[in-house]
Amino acid sequence: MNQGINVAGVYVRDQDEALAFYVDKLGFRVHTDARNGDYRWLTVQHPEQPSFQLGLFKPGPPMHDAATAQALCEAVAKGAMPPLVLAVDDCRAAYERLSASGVEFMQEPVDRYGTVDAGFRDPSGNGWKMIESSPSREAQ
C-alpha cells in the first residue's frame, strides 16, 4: 500500500486574496476549488510538484467556531505559524523575479549554512523561507 502526504494547508484570511497571491505572484496553479455552502476547499500546486497540494483554508465553520476562527487569523497575521519552505534553483534570481511580481520580502537573499535563503510572507501573514537547492544537498 502506498501512503504519503498529499495536501498540507495554511490558514488564510481571504481565499480570493490568497489565490491571487499564490497563482499570480508565486506561479502556482489551481488544483481544486470546490464549495459546499459557505465552505470552500481550495488547493493550489507548484507546477513542478504535481503530487502535492497546498490548501488555502479560511478558518471557520464547520471546523471552527467564530472565536477560534478569529484567534487563528490573528495568530497567522502575527507570523506565529511555522514557516513553509520553497526550494528554488537560484535564490537570488527567484528573489528578483518574485520581487518584480510584487512579493514583499522580509529578508533579502543571504548566504548561510552552505546555501542562500530569503524570506517573505503571504498576504495573511504565513511565513515562507525560500532556500536555494544545492547539488550536494540533493545527493544526500
C-alpha atoms as a PDB file:
ATOM      1  CA  MET A   1       0.000   0.000   0.000  1.00  0.00           C
ATOM      2  CA  ASN A   2       1.314   3.440  -0.921  1.00  0.00           C
ATOM      3  CA  GLN A   3       0.888   6.262   1.547  1.00  0.00           C
ATOM      4  CA  GLY A   4       2.052   9.816   1.674  1.00  0.00           C
ATOM      5  CA  ILE A   5       1.059  13.352   2.413  1.00  0.00           C
ATOM      6  CA  ASN A   6      -0.976  14.733  -0.459  1.00  0.00           C
ATOM      7  CA  VAL A   7      -2.267  18.041   0.953  1.00  0.00           C
ATOM      8  CA  ALA A   8      -0.920  20.398   3.603  1.00  0.00           C
ATOM      9  CA  GLY A   9      -2.834  23.523   4.427  1.00  0.00           C
ATOM     10  CA  VAL A  10      -2.312  27.067   5.587  1.00  0.00           C
ATOM     11  CA  TYR A  11      -4.897  29.359   7.114  1.00  0.00           C
ATOM     12  CA  VAL A  12      -5.691  32.474   5.124  1.00  0.00           C
ATOM     13  CA  ARG A  13      -7.885  35.460   5.959  1.00  0.00           C
ATOM     14  CA  ASP A  14      -9.325  35.740   2.439  1.00  0.00           C
ATOM     15  CA  GLN A  15      -9.248  32.860  -0.025  1.00  0.00           C
ATOM     16  CA  ASP A  16      -9.562  35.040  -3.138  1.00  0.00           C
ATOM     17  CA  GLU A  17      -6.663  37.241  -1.978  1.00  0.00           C
ATOM     18  CA  ALA A  18      -4.581  34.146  -1.194  1.00  0.00           C
ATOM     19  CA  LEU A  19      -5.441  32.566  -4.539  1.00  0.00           C
ATOM     20  CA  ALA A  20      -4.300  35.692  -6.417  1.00  0.00           C
ATOM     21  CA  PHE A  21      -1.018  35.739  -4.455  1.00  0.00           C
ATOM     22  CA  TYR A  22      -0.165  32.072  -4.904  1.00  0.00           C
ATOM     23  CA  VAL A  23      -1.187  31.922  -8.581  1.00  0.00           C
ATOM     24  CA  ASP A  24      -0.322  35.386  -9.913  1.00  0.00           C
ATOM     25  CA  LYS A  25       2.795  36.086  -7.851  1.00  0.00           C
ATOM     26  CA  LEU A  26       4.286  32.696  -6.936  1.00  0.00           C
ATOM     27  CA  GLY A  27       3.278  30.858 -10.105  1.00  0.00           C
ATOM     28  CA  PHE A  28       1.242  28.068  -8.522  1.00  0.00           C
ATOM     29  CA  ARG A  29      -1.844  26.778 -10.328  1.00  0.00           C
ATOM     30  CA  VAL A  30      -5.309  25.932  -9.054  1.00  0.00           C
ATOM     31  CA  HIS A  31      -5.878  22.247  -8.361  1.00  0.00           C
ATOM     32  CA  THR A  32      -9.285  22.238  -6.663  1.00  0.00           C
ATOM     33  CA  ASP A  33     -11.790  24.999  -5.999  1.00  0.00           C
ATOM     34  CA  ALA A  34     -14.984  23.444  -4.649  1.00  0.00           C
ATOM     35  CA  ARG A  35     -17.736  24.897  -2.496  1.00  0.00           C
ATOM     36  CA  ASN A  36     -20.287  23.367  -0.173  1.00  0.00           C
ATOM     37  CA  GLY A  37     -22.467  26.203   1.083  1.00  0.00           C
ATOM     38  CA  ASP A  38     -20.153  28.717   2.765  1.00  0.00           C
ATOM     39  CA  TYR A  39     -17.296  26.192   2.974  1.00  0.00           C
ATOM     40  CA  ARG A  40     -14.647  26.317   0.236  1.00  0.00           C
ATOM     41  CA  TRP A  41     -11.989  23.654  -0.395  1.00  0.00           C
ATOM     42  CA  LEU A  42      -9.261  25.497  -2.287  1.00  0.00           C
ATOM     43  CA  THR A  43      -5.916  23.931  -3.176  1.00  0.00           C
ATOM     44  CA  VAL A  44      -3.028  25.017  -5.400  1.00  0.00           C
ATOM     45  CA  GLN A  45       0.008  23.185  -6.743  1.00  0.00           C
ATOM     46  CA  HIS A  46       3.506  24.191  -7.665  1.00  0.00           C
ATOM     47  CA  PRO A  47       3.857  23.392 -11.384  1.00  0.00           C
ATOM     48  CA  GLU A  48       6.951  21.270 -10.753  1.00  0.00           C
ATOM     49  CA  GLN A  49       5.368  19.285  -7.914  1.00  0.00           C
ATOM     50  CA  PRO A  50       2.036  17.927  -9.181  1.00  0.00           C
ATOM     51  CA  SER A  51       1.714  15.241  -6.492  1.00  0.00           C
ATOM     52  CA  PHE A  52       1.410  17.797  -3.686  1.00  0.00           C
ATOM     53  CA  GLN A  53      -1.314  20.332  -2.983  1.00  0.00           C
ATOM     54  CA  LEU A  54      -1.218  23.386  -0.707  1.00  0.00           C
ATOM     55  CA  GLY A  55      -4.628  24.054   0.813  1.00  0.00           C
ATOM     56  CA  LEU A  56      -5.644  27.681   1.278  1.00  0.00           C
ATOM     57  CA  PHE A  57      -8.181  27.349   4.066  1.00  0.00           C
ATOM     58  CA  LYS A  58     -10.213  30.030   5.803  1.00  0.00           C
ATOM     59  CA  PRO A  59     -10.775  29.323   9.493  1.00  0.00           C
ATOM     60  CA  GLY A  60     -14.449  28.967  10.306  1.00  0.00           C
ATOM     61  CA  PRO A  61     -17.392  26.576  10.167  1.00  0.00           C
ATOM     62  CA  PRO A  62     -17.668  23.639  10.059  1.00  0.00           C
ATOM     63  CA  MET A  63     -14.242  23.171  11.679  1.00  0.00           C
ATOM     64  CA  HIS A  64     -14.073  26.232  13.958  1.00  0.00           C
ATOM     65  CA  ASP A  65     -16.447  28.422  15.908  1.00  0.00           C
ATOM     66  CA  ALA A  66     -16.233  32.208  15.431  1.00  0.00           C
ATOM     67  CA  ALA A  67     -13.891  32.812  18.389  1.00  0.00           C
ATOM     68  CA  THR A  68     -11.468  30.089  17.304  1.00  0.00           C
ATOM     69  CA  ALA A  69     -11.516  31.316  13.712  1.00  0.00           C
ATOM     70  CA  GLN A  70     -10.679  34.844  14.848  1.00  0.00           C
ATOM     71  CA  ALA A  71      -7.872  33.600  17.121  1.00  0.00           C
ATOM     72  CA  LEU A  72      -6.376  31.562  14.262  1.00  0.00           C
ATOM     73  CA  CYS A  73      -6.483  34.524  11.859  1.00  0.00           C
ATOM     74  CA  GLU A  74      -4.804  36.726  14.472  1.00  0.00           C
ATOM     75  CA  ALA A  75      -2.055  34.150  15.099  1.00  0.00           C
ATOM     76  CA  VAL A  76      -1.362  33.814  11.356  1.00  0.00           C
ATOM     77  CA  ALA A  77      -1.266  37.599  10.896  1.00  0.00           C
ATOM     78  CA  LYS A  78       1.406  37.815  13.614  1.00  0.00           C
ATOM     79  CA  GLY A  79       3.565  35.264  11.799  1.00  0.00           C
ATOM     80  CA  ALA A  80       3.083  32.699  14.572  1.00  0.00           C
ATOM     81  CA  MET A  81       2.614  29.697  12.308  1.00  0.00           C
ATOM     82  CA  PRO A  82       5.611  27.559  11.250  1.00  0.00           C
ATOM     83  CA  PRO A  83       7.228  28.764   8.031  1.00  0.00           C
ATOM     84  CA  LEU A  84       6.806  26.978   4.756  1.00  0.00           C
ATOM     85  CA  VAL A  85       9.832  26.273   2.575  1.00  0.00           C
ATOM     86  CA  LEU A  86      10.041  26.930  -1.150  1.00  0.00           C
ATOM     87  CA  ALA A  87      13.019  25.227  -2.802  1.00  0.00           C
ATOM     88  CA  VAL A  88      14.495  27.099  -5.781  1.00  0.00           C
ATOM     89  CA  ASP A  89      17.472  26.542  -8.075  1.00  0.00           C
ATOM     90  CA  ASP A  90      18.748  30.111  -7.767  1.00  0.00           C
ATOM     91  CA  CYS A  91      17.573  32.100  -4.749  1.00  0.00           C
ATOM     92  CA  ARG A  92      18.825  35.471  -5.975  1.00  0.00           C
ATOM     93  CA  ALA A  93      17.197  35.085  -9.400  1.00  0.00           C
ATOM     94  CA  ALA A  94      13.924  33.907  -7.801  1.00  0.00           C
ATOM     95  CA  TYR A  95      14.088  36.859  -5.393  1.00  0.00           C
ATOM     96  CA  GLU A  96      14.410  39.281  -8.328  1.00  0.00           C
ATOM     97  CA  ARG A  97      11.584  37.606 -10.264  1.00  0.00           C
ATOM     98  CA  LEU A  98       9.197  37.433  -7.298  1.00  0.00           C
ATOM     99  CA  SER A  99      10.031  40.963  -6.136  1.00  0.00           C
ATOM    100  CA  ALA A 100       9.205  42.220  -9.631  1.00  0.00           C
ATOM    101  CA  SER A 101       5.835  40.435  -9.432  1.00  0.00           C
ATOM    102  CA  GLY A 102       5.009  42.214  -6.170  1.00  0.00           C
ATOM    103  CA  VAL A 103       6.104  39.750  -3.470  1.00  0.00           C
ATOM    104  CA  GLU A 104       7.310  41.732  -0.450  1.00  0.00           C
ATOM    105  CA  PHE A 105      10.355  40.139   1.150  1.00  0.00           C
ATOM    106  CA  MET A 106      11.149  40.462   4.839  1.00  0.00           C
ATOM    107  CA  GLN A 107      14.662  39.145   4.261  1.00  0.00           C
ATOM    108  CA  GLU A 108      16.753  39.570   1.130  1.00  0.00           C
ATOM    109  CA  PRO A 109      18.882  36.622  -0.036  1.00  0.00           C
ATOM    110  CA  VAL A 110      21.760  35.834   2.324  1.00  0.00           C
ATOM    111  CA  ASP A 111      24.497  33.196   2.305  1.00  0.00           C
ATOM    112  CA  ARG A 112      24.314  30.875   5.299  1.00  0.00           C
ATOM    113  CA  TYR A 113      24.653  27.208   6.175  1.00  0.00           C
ATOM    114  CA  GLY A 114      26.212  26.495   2.772  1.00  0.00           C
ATOM    115  CA  THR A 115      23.286  27.813   0.749  1.00  0.00           C
ATOM    116  CA  VAL A 116      21.319  31.002   0.057  1.00  0.00           C
ATOM    117  CA  ASP A 117      17.936  31.823   1.547  1.00  0.00           C
ATOM    118  CA  ALA A 118      15.402  34.662   1.644  1.00  0.00           C
ATOM    119  CA  GLY A 119      12.117  35.217   3.496  1.00  0.00           C
ATOM    120  CA  PHE A 120       8.667  36.569   2.649  1.00  0.00           C
ATOM    121  CA  ARG A 121       5.077  36.362   3.885  1.00  0.00           C
ATOM    122  CA  ASP A 122       1.824  35.809   2.065  1.00  0.00           C
ATOM    123  CA  PRO A 123      -0.981  38.399   2.450  1.00  0.00           C
ATOM    124  CA  SER A 124      -2.356  36.554   5.507  1.00  0.00           C
ATOM    125  CA  GLY A 125       0.987  36.518   7.333  1.00  0.00           C
ATOM    126  CA  ASN A 126       2.167  32.960   6.624  1.00  0.00           C
ATOM    127  CA  GLY A 127       5.950  32.953   6.575  1.00  0.00           C
ATOM    128  CA  TRP A 128       7.978  31.449   3.757  1.00  0.00           C
ATOM    129  CA  LYS A 129      11.683  30.630   3.563  1.00  0.00           C
ATOM    130  CA  MET A 130      12.943  30.422   0.012  1.00  0.00           C
ATOM    131  CA  ILE A 131      16.021  28.208   0.014  1.00  0.00           C
ATOM    132  CA  GLU A 132      18.404  27.541  -2.835  1.00  0.00           C
ATOM    133  CA  SER A 133      18.805  23.849  -3.529  1.00  0.00           C
ATOM    134  CA  SER A 134      22.406  22.831  -3.837  1.00  0.00           C
ATOM    135  CA  PRO A 135      23.585  19.735  -5.725  1.00  0.00           C
ATOM    136  CA  SER A 136      25.354  18.451  -2.605  1.00  0.00           C
ATOM    137  CA  ARG A 137      22.129  18.625  -0.547  1.00  0.00           C
ATOM    138  CA  GLU A 138      20.110  16.760  -3.175  1.00  0.00           C
ATOM    139  CA  ALA A 139      22.682  13.950  -3.285  1.00  0.00           C
ATOM    140  CA  GLN A 140      22.370  13.296   0.473  1.00  0.00           C
END
